[in-house]
Amino acid sequence: MQVMVELSLYPLVNEYIPPIQNFIDRLNSHQGLLVTTCSTSTQVSGEYGLVMDILGKEMQRTHEEVGQAIFVAKFLNFDAMQARKKNND
């Protein structure tokens, strides 16, 4: 099953942009994820188990490195790759 997760990260630090960019860069480094970044959120799509495993590890890393940070997420069982293919046909 495929999933699409829309995430927003709110680090509770004065310099909030570097932790957000670091998190997005780490997501982009993983094979098997489709990562789309917007001005207020990032969409992560892929195989459900893979996405959940990577998000869990990367969110934990962010909390360990930054300290307090808020993640807001929405989950949708949706195949973003298939939708893109249909839109390009």
N, C-alpha and C. Protein backbone atom coordinates (compact mmCIF):
# COMPACT_ATOMS: atom_id res chain seq x y z
N MET A 1 0.85 -1.18 0.00
CA MET A 1 0.00 0.00 0.00
C MET A 1 0.89 1.24 0.00
N GLN A 2 0.45 2.24 -0.69
CA GLN A 2 1.16 3.51 -0.78
C GLN A 2 0.56 4.51 0.21
N VAL A 3 1.39 5.46 0.62
CA VAL A 3 0.93 6.49 1.55
C VAL A 3 1.54 7.83 1.14
N MET A 4 0.81 8.89 1.41
CA MET A 4 1.33 10.25 1.27
C MET A 4 1.17 10.92 2.62
N VAL A 5 2.26 11.49 3.12
CA VAL A 5 2.24 12.18 4.41
C VAL A 5 2.60 13.63 4.17
N GLU A 6 1.77 14.53 4.65
CA GLU A 6 2.07 15.96 4.59
C GLU A 6 2.55 16.38 5.97
N LEU A 7 3.78 16.88 6.04
CA LEU A 7 4.41 17.23 7.30
C LEU A 7 4.73 18.70 7.37
N SER A 8 4.56 19.26 8.56
CA SER A 8 5.08 20.59 8.87
C SER A 8 5.91 20.43 10.14
N LEU A 9 7.08 21.06 10.15
CA LEU A 9 7.99 21.00 11.29
C LEU A 9 8.14 22.38 11.88
N TYR A 10 7.98 22.47 13.18
CA TYR A 10 8.12 23.72 13.91
C TYR A 10 9.14 23.54 15.02
N PRO A 11 10.43 23.76 14.73
CA PRO A 11 11.44 23.66 15.79
C PRO A 11 11.27 24.82 16.77
N LEU A 12 11.31 24.53 18.05
CA LEU A 12 11.13 25.57 19.07
C LEU A 12 12.48 26.15 19.45
N VAL A 13 13.14 26.73 18.45
CA VAL A 13 14.44 27.37 18.61
C VAL A 13 14.43 28.68 17.83
N ASN A 14 15.33 29.60 18.16
CA ASN A 14 15.40 30.89 17.46
C ASN A 14 15.77 30.72 15.99
N GLU A 15 16.77 29.91 15.72
CA GLU A 15 17.21 29.66 14.34
C GLU A 15 16.47 28.43 13.82
N TYR A 16 15.25 28.61 13.33
CA TYR A 16 14.40 27.48 12.97
C TYR A 16 14.59 26.97 11.55
N ILE A 17 15.11 27.79 10.63
CA ILE A 17 15.23 27.35 9.24
C ILE A 17 16.27 26.23 9.07
N PRO A 18 17.46 26.31 9.67
CA PRO A 18 18.43 25.22 9.47
C PRO A 18 17.91 23.82 9.87
N PRO A 19 17.22 23.66 11.01
CA PRO A 19 16.71 22.31 11.31
C PRO A 19 15.66 21.83 10.31
N ILE A 20 14.84 22.74 9.81
CA ILE A 20 13.83 22.36 8.82
C ILE A 20 14.51 21.92 7.54
N GLN A 21 15.49 22.70 7.07
CA GLN A 21 16.19 22.36 5.84
C GLN A 21 16.96 21.05 5.99
N ASN A 22 17.56 20.84 7.15
CA ASN A 22 18.29 19.61 7.42
C ASN A 22 17.36 18.41 7.34
N PHE A 23 16.18 18.52 7.94
CA PHE A 23 15.19 17.44 7.91
C PHE A 23 14.77 17.14 6.47
N ILE A 24 14.48 18.16 5.69
CA ILE A 24 14.07 17.97 4.29
C ILE A 24 15.20 17.35 3.48
N ASP A 25 16.43 17.81 3.68
CA ASP A 25 17.58 17.25 2.97
C ASP A 25 17.75 15.77 3.28
N ARG A 26 17.57 15.40 4.54
CA ARG A 26 17.69 13.99 4.92
C ARG A 26 16.59 13.16 4.26
N LEU A 27 15.38 13.68 4.22
CA LEU A 27 14.30 12.94 3.54
C LEU A 27 14.64 12.73 2.08
N ASN A 28 15.16 13.75 1.43
CA ASN A 28 15.51 13.65 0.01
C ASN A 28 16.64 12.66 -0.25
N SER A 29 17.41 12.31 0.75
CA SER A 29 18.54 11.40 0.55
C SER A 29 18.11 9.93 0.53
N HIS A 30 16.86 9.64 0.86
CA HIS A 30 16.40 8.24 0.93
C HIS A 30 15.82 7.79 -0.41
N GLN A 31 16.30 6.63 -0.86
CA GLN A 31 15.74 6.01 -2.06
C GLN A 31 14.32 5.53 -1.77
N GLY A 32 13.45 5.61 -2.74
CA GLY A 32 12.10 5.09 -2.60
C GLY A 32 11.08 6.08 -2.10
N LEU A 33 11.52 7.30 -1.77
CA LEU A 33 10.59 8.33 -1.33
C LEU A 33 10.44 9.37 -2.43
N LEU A 34 9.24 9.87 -2.58
CA LEU A 34 8.97 11.03 -3.42
C LEU A 34 8.72 12.18 -2.45
N VAL A 35 9.58 13.19 -2.48
CA VAL A 35 9.51 14.31 -1.53
C VAL A 35 9.20 15.58 -2.32
N THR A 36 8.12 16.25 -1.94
CA THR A 36 7.72 17.51 -2.56
C THR A 36 7.62 18.56 -1.47
N THR A 37 8.41 19.62 -1.62
CA THR A 37 8.44 20.66 -0.59
C THR A 37 7.68 21.89 -1.05
N CYS A 38 6.81 22.38 -0.19
CA CYS A 38 6.05 23.60 -0.43
C CYS A 38 6.50 24.63 0.61
N SER A 39 5.90 25.79 0.61
CA SER A 39 6.34 26.86 1.52
C SER A 39 6.03 26.55 2.99
N THR A 40 4.99 25.79 3.26
CA THR A 40 4.61 25.53 4.66
C THR A 40 4.60 24.06 5.05
N SER A 41 4.85 23.17 4.10
CA SER A 41 4.84 21.74 4.41
C SER A 41 5.65 20.96 3.39
N THR A 42 5.88 19.71 3.70
CA THR A 42 6.57 18.80 2.80
C THR A 42 5.73 17.54 2.68
N GLN A 43 5.53 17.08 1.44
CA GLN A 43 4.79 15.85 1.20
C GLN A 43 5.78 14.73 0.93
N VAL A 44 5.60 13.62 1.62
CA VAL A 44 6.45 12.45 1.47
C VAL A 44 5.56 11.29 1.04
N SER A 45 5.90 10.68 -0.09
CA SER A 45 5.10 9.58 -0.62
C SER A 45 5.98 8.38 -0.88
N GLY A 46 5.36 7.20 -0.79
CA GLY A 46 6.06 5.96 -1.09
C GLY A 46 5.35 4.79 -0.46
N GLU A 47 6.06 3.65 -0.42
CA GLU A 47 5.51 2.43 0.17
C GLU A 47 5.31 2.67 1.67
N TYR A 48 4.15 2.28 2.17
CA TYR A 48 3.73 2.62 3.53
C TYR A 48 4.78 2.29 4.58
N GLY A 49 5.24 1.06 4.60
CA GLY A 49 6.21 0.64 5.61
C GLY A 49 7.51 1.43 5.54
N LEU A 50 7.99 1.66 4.33
CA LEU A 50 9.23 2.41 4.13
C LEU A 50 9.08 3.85 4.62
N VAL A 51 8.00 4.50 4.22
CA VAL A 51 7.77 5.89 4.62
C VAL A 51 7.69 6.01 6.14
N MET A 52 6.93 5.12 6.76
CA MET A 52 6.76 5.19 8.21
C MET A 52 8.08 4.93 8.94
N ASP A 53 8.87 3.98 8.44
CA ASP A 53 10.16 3.67 9.05
C ASP A 53 11.11 4.86 8.96
N ILE A 54 11.21 5.44 7.77
CA ILE A 54 12.12 6.58 7.58
C ILE A 54 11.66 7.78 8.38
N LEU A 55 10.36 8.09 8.34
CA LEU A 55 9.86 9.24 9.10
C LEU A 55 10.13 9.07 10.59
N GLY A 56 9.91 7.88 11.11
CA GLY A 56 10.16 7.64 12.52
C GLY A 56 11.61 7.92 12.89
N LYS A 57 12.52 7.42 12.09
CA LYS A 57 13.95 7.62 12.36
C LYS A 57 14.35 9.08 12.21
N GLU A 58 13.88 9.73 11.17
CA GLU A 58 14.29 11.11 10.91
C GLU A 58 13.63 12.08 11.89
N MET A 59 12.41 11.80 12.30
CA MET A 59 11.77 12.65 13.31
C MET A 59 12.49 12.49 14.65
N GLN A 60 12.84 11.27 15.01
CA GLN A 60 13.59 11.06 16.24
C GLN A 60 14.93 11.79 16.20
N ARG A 61 15.62 11.69 15.07
CA ARG A 61 16.91 12.40 14.93
C ARG A 61 16.73 13.90 15.11
N THR A 62 15.67 14.46 14.52
CA THR A 62 15.41 15.89 14.67
C THR A 62 15.20 16.24 16.13
N HIS A 63 14.41 15.46 16.85
CA HIS A 63 14.17 15.73 18.26
C HIS A 63 15.47 15.63 19.06
N GLU A 64 16.31 14.67 18.74
CA GLU A 64 17.58 14.52 19.45
C GLU A 64 18.52 15.69 19.18
N GLU A 65 18.55 16.16 17.93
CA GLU A 65 19.48 17.23 17.56
C GLU A 65 18.99 18.62 17.92
N VAL A 66 17.69 18.84 17.80
CA VAL A 66 17.13 20.19 17.97
C VAL A 66 16.61 20.40 19.39
N GLY A 67 16.16 19.35 20.00
CA GLY A 67 15.46 19.49 21.28
C GLY A 67 13.98 19.52 20.99
N GLN A 68 13.29 20.48 21.54
CA GLN A 68 11.85 20.54 21.34
C GLN A 68 11.50 21.00 19.93
N ALA A 69 10.62 20.23 19.30
CA ALA A 69 10.13 20.55 17.96
C ALA A 69 8.76 19.90 17.80
N ILE A 70 7.92 20.56 17.06
CA ILE A 70 6.57 20.07 16.82
C ILE A 70 6.48 19.58 15.37
N PHE A 71 5.95 18.38 15.18
CA PHE A 71 5.63 17.87 13.85
C PHE A 71 4.12 17.80 13.75
N VAL A 72 3.57 18.33 12.67
CA VAL A 72 2.15 18.21 12.38
C VAL A 72 2.06 17.41 11.09
N ALA A 73 1.26 16.34 11.10
CA ALA A 73 1.22 15.44 9.94
C ALA A 73 -0.21 15.06 9.58
N LYS A 74 -0.40 14.83 8.27
CA LYS A 74 -1.64 14.28 7.73
C LYS A 74 -1.24 13.06 6.90
N PHE A 75 -1.99 11.98 7.03
CA PHE A 75 -1.68 10.74 6.33
C PHE A 75 -2.84 10.38 5.40
N LEU A 76 -2.49 9.99 4.18
CA LEU A 76 -3.48 9.61 3.18
C LEU A 76 -2.98 8.38 2.45
N ASN A 77 -3.79 7.31 2.38
CA ASN A 77 -3.39 6.16 1.58
C ASN A 77 -3.62 6.52 0.11
N PHE A 78 -2.53 6.90 -0.55
CA PHE A 78 -2.57 7.52 -1.86
C PHE A 78 -1.29 7.21 -2.60
N ASP A 79 -1.37 6.85 -3.86
CA ASP A 79 -0.20 6.56 -4.67
C ASP A 79 0.14 7.79 -5.51
N ALA A 80 1.05 8.61 -5.02
CA ALA A 80 1.41 9.86 -5.69
C ALA A 80 2.09 9.60 -7.02
N MET A 81 2.91 8.55 -7.12
CA MET A 81 3.60 8.23 -8.37
C MET A 81 2.59 7.88 -9.46
N GLN A 82 1.60 7.07 -9.11
CA GLN A 82 0.56 6.69 -10.08
C GLN A 82 -0.25 7.91 -10.50
N ALA A 83 -0.56 8.79 -9.58
CA ALA A 83 -1.31 10.00 -9.89
C ALA A 83 -0.52 10.88 -10.84
N ARG A 84 0.78 11.00 -10.63
CA ARG A 84 1.61 11.81 -11.54
C ARG A 84 1.64 11.21 -12.93
N LYS A 85 1.73 9.90 -13.03
CA LYS A 85 1.73 9.24 -14.33
C LYS A 85 0.43 9.52 -15.08
N LYS A 86 -0.72 9.43 -14.36
CA LYS A 86 -2.01 9.70 -14.99
C LYS A 86 -2.11 11.15 -15.47
N ASN A 87 -1.57 12.08 -14.69
CA ASN A 87 -1.62 13.49 -15.08
C ASN A 87 -0.73 13.80 -16.28
N ASN A 88 0.31 13.00 -16.48
CA ASN A 88 1.21 13.22 -17.61
C ASN A 88 0.74 12.54 -18.88
N ASP A 89 -0.27 11.66 -18.78
CA ASP A 89 -0.80 10.98 -19.98
C ASP A 89 -1.72 11.85 -20.77
